[in-house]
Amino acid sequence: MLTQHGARYWRTSSYSGGTNCVEVGRIGGRAAVRDTKDRVAGFFTASAPQWAAFVSAVKGGRFDG
């Protein structure tokens, strides 16, 4: 089933506060990411290797302040 902007299965993190987060979906073999507060603004996509590197960096604390 396709949803807004043609991505499949938009979902938010269980850690999100409901409105201050991003949503992730799939378009073809790519990850699609959009802002929950501004869904009509569009999204960006990342290839599988790019997405895996990003998730690994987040889990590794690279972006912790």
C-alpha atoms as a PDB file:
ATOM      1  CA  MET A   1       0.000   0.000   0.000  1.00  0.00           C
ATOM      2  CA  LEU A   2       1.427   3.371  -0.979  1.00  0.00           C
ATOM      3  CA  THR A   3       0.864   6.434   1.175  1.00  0.00           C
ATOM      4  CA  GLN A   4       1.491  10.169   0.831  1.00  0.00           C
ATOM      5  CA  HIS A   5       4.462  10.932  -1.435  1.00  0.00           C
ATOM      6  CA  GLY A   6       4.592   7.327  -2.649  1.00  0.00           C
ATOM      7  CA  ALA A   7       6.471   5.851   0.309  1.00  0.00           C
ATOM      8  CA  ARG A   8       5.453   2.618   1.982  1.00  0.00           C
ATOM      9  CA  TYR A   9       4.713   2.127   5.651  1.00  0.00           C
ATOM     10  CA  TRP A  10       5.651   5.453   7.242  1.00  0.00           C
ATOM     11  CA  ARG A  11       6.414   4.879  10.930  1.00  0.00           C
ATOM     12  CA  THR A  12       7.761   6.805  13.894  1.00  0.00           C
ATOM     13  CA  SER A  13      10.116   5.700  16.613  1.00  0.00           C
ATOM     14  CA  SER A  14       8.633   4.316  19.818  1.00  0.00           C
ATOM     15  CA  TYR A  15      11.010   6.739  21.566  1.00  0.00           C
ATOM     16  CA  SER A  16       9.443   9.816  19.980  1.00  0.00           C
ATOM     17  CA  GLY A  17       7.222  12.245  21.810  1.00  0.00           C
ATOM     18  CA  GLY A  18       4.587  11.978  19.105  1.00  0.00           C
ATOM     19  CA  THR A  19       5.194  15.307  17.357  1.00  0.00           C
ATOM     20  CA  ASN A  20       8.917  16.051  17.652  1.00  0.00           C
ATOM     21  CA  CYS A  21      10.345  13.301  15.548  1.00  0.00           C
ATOM     22  CA  VAL A  22      10.884  11.991  12.073  1.00  0.00           C
ATOM     23  CA  GLU A  23       9.063   9.281  10.175  1.00  0.00           C
ATOM     24  CA  VAL A  24      10.797   6.607   8.136  1.00  0.00           C
ATOM     25  CA  GLY A  25       9.335   4.782   5.146  1.00  0.00           C
ATOM     26  CA  ARG A  26      10.508   2.825   2.109  1.00  0.00           C
ATOM     27  CA  ILE A  27      10.656   3.825  -1.542  1.00  0.00           C
ATOM     28  CA  GLY A  28      12.007   1.029  -3.658  1.00  0.00           C
ATOM     29  CA  GLY A  29      15.200  -0.136  -1.988  1.00  0.00           C
ATOM     30  CA  ARG A  30      15.787   3.197  -0.252  1.00  0.00           C
ATOM     31  CA  ALA A  31      14.879   4.577   3.162  1.00  0.00           C
ATOM     32  CA  ALA A  32      12.720   7.709   3.057  1.00  0.00           C
ATOM     33  CA  VAL A  33      12.754  10.198   5.954  1.00  0.00           C
ATOM     34  CA  ARG A  34      10.405  13.121   6.667  1.00  0.00           C
ATOM     35  CA  ASP A  35       9.567  15.533   9.483  1.00  0.00           C
ATOM     36  CA  THR A  36       6.457  14.518  11.409  1.00  0.00           C
ATOM     37  CA  LYS A  37       5.479  18.164  11.951  1.00  0.00           C
ATOM     38  CA  ASP A  38       5.766  19.083   8.266  1.00  0.00           C
ATOM     39  CA  ARG A  39       4.905  16.023   6.208  1.00  0.00           C
ATOM     40  CA  VAL A  40       3.932  18.015   3.124  1.00  0.00           C
ATOM     41  CA  ALA A  41       7.438  19.509   2.897  1.00  0.00           C
ATOM     42  CA  GLY A  42       8.649  16.266   1.369  1.00  0.00           C
ATOM     43  CA  PHE A  43      11.325  13.789   2.320  1.00  0.00           C
ATOM     44  CA  PHE A  44      14.834  12.677   1.510  1.00  0.00           C
ATOM     45  CA  THR A  45      16.040   9.194   0.699  1.00  0.00           C
ATOM     46  CA  ALA A  46      19.143   7.217   1.572  1.00  0.00           C
ATOM     47  CA  SER A  47      20.516   4.039   0.046  1.00  0.00           C
ATOM     48  CA  ALA A  48      20.702   0.908   2.193  1.00  0.00           C
ATOM     49  CA  PRO A  49      24.448   1.391   2.946  1.00  0.00           C
ATOM     50  CA  GLN A  50      23.923   5.087   3.786  1.00  0.00           C
ATOM     51  CA  TRP A  51      21.011   4.269   6.089  1.00  0.00           C
ATOM     52  CA  ALA A  52      22.966   1.474   7.813  1.00  0.00           C
ATOM     53  CA  ALA A  53      25.902   3.845   8.418  1.00  0.00           C
ATOM     54  CA  PHE A  54      23.575   6.497   9.848  1.00  0.00           C
ATOM     55  CA  VAL A  55      21.799   4.059  12.178  1.00  0.00           C
ATOM     56  CA  SER A  56      25.148   2.669  13.337  1.00  0.00           C
ATOM     57  CA  ALA A  57      26.395   6.206  14.101  1.00  0.00           C
ATOM     58  CA  VAL A  58      23.232   7.012  16.080  1.00  0.00           C
ATOM     59  CA  LYS A  59      23.477   3.786  18.078  1.00  0.00           C
ATOM     60  CA  GLY A  60      27.170   4.475  18.688  1.00  0.00           C
ATOM     61  CA  GLY A  61      26.420   7.881  20.210  1.00  0.00           C
ATOM     62  CA  ARG A  62      28.118   9.902  17.468  1.00  0.00           C
ATOM     63  CA  PHE A  63      25.437  12.607  17.579  1.00  0.00           C
ATOM     64  CA  ASP A  64      25.042  12.817  21.362  1.00  0.00           C
ATOM     65  CA  GLY A  65      25.666  16.302  22.659  1.00  0.00           C
END
